[in-house]
Amino acid sequence: MKATKKIRAEFFDLHGYVLDQLESRKGSWLEISERADVPYFTISKIATRATADPRISTIQKLANYFTQNPKAA
């Protein structure tokens, strides 16, 4: 697999993880926005798939937040 394809595949795996987390934490987007330093409107657009290709840096910020703040069972 070429490096570009591998990076793209890893991004989509991370993007899927972030989408899953946003869906399961729908009532907490404002708090996520504040703590992850990502605008609420951006989170809303990502979660509703209005933004088909979000920036990698944004997805990384959200993924970092979710891994550092696991959802309580």
Foldseek 3Di string as FASTA:
>chain_A
DDPVVVVVVVLVVLLVVLLVVCVVPVVCLVVLCVVLVHDSVVSVCSNVVVPVDDDSVSSVSSSVVCVVPPDDD
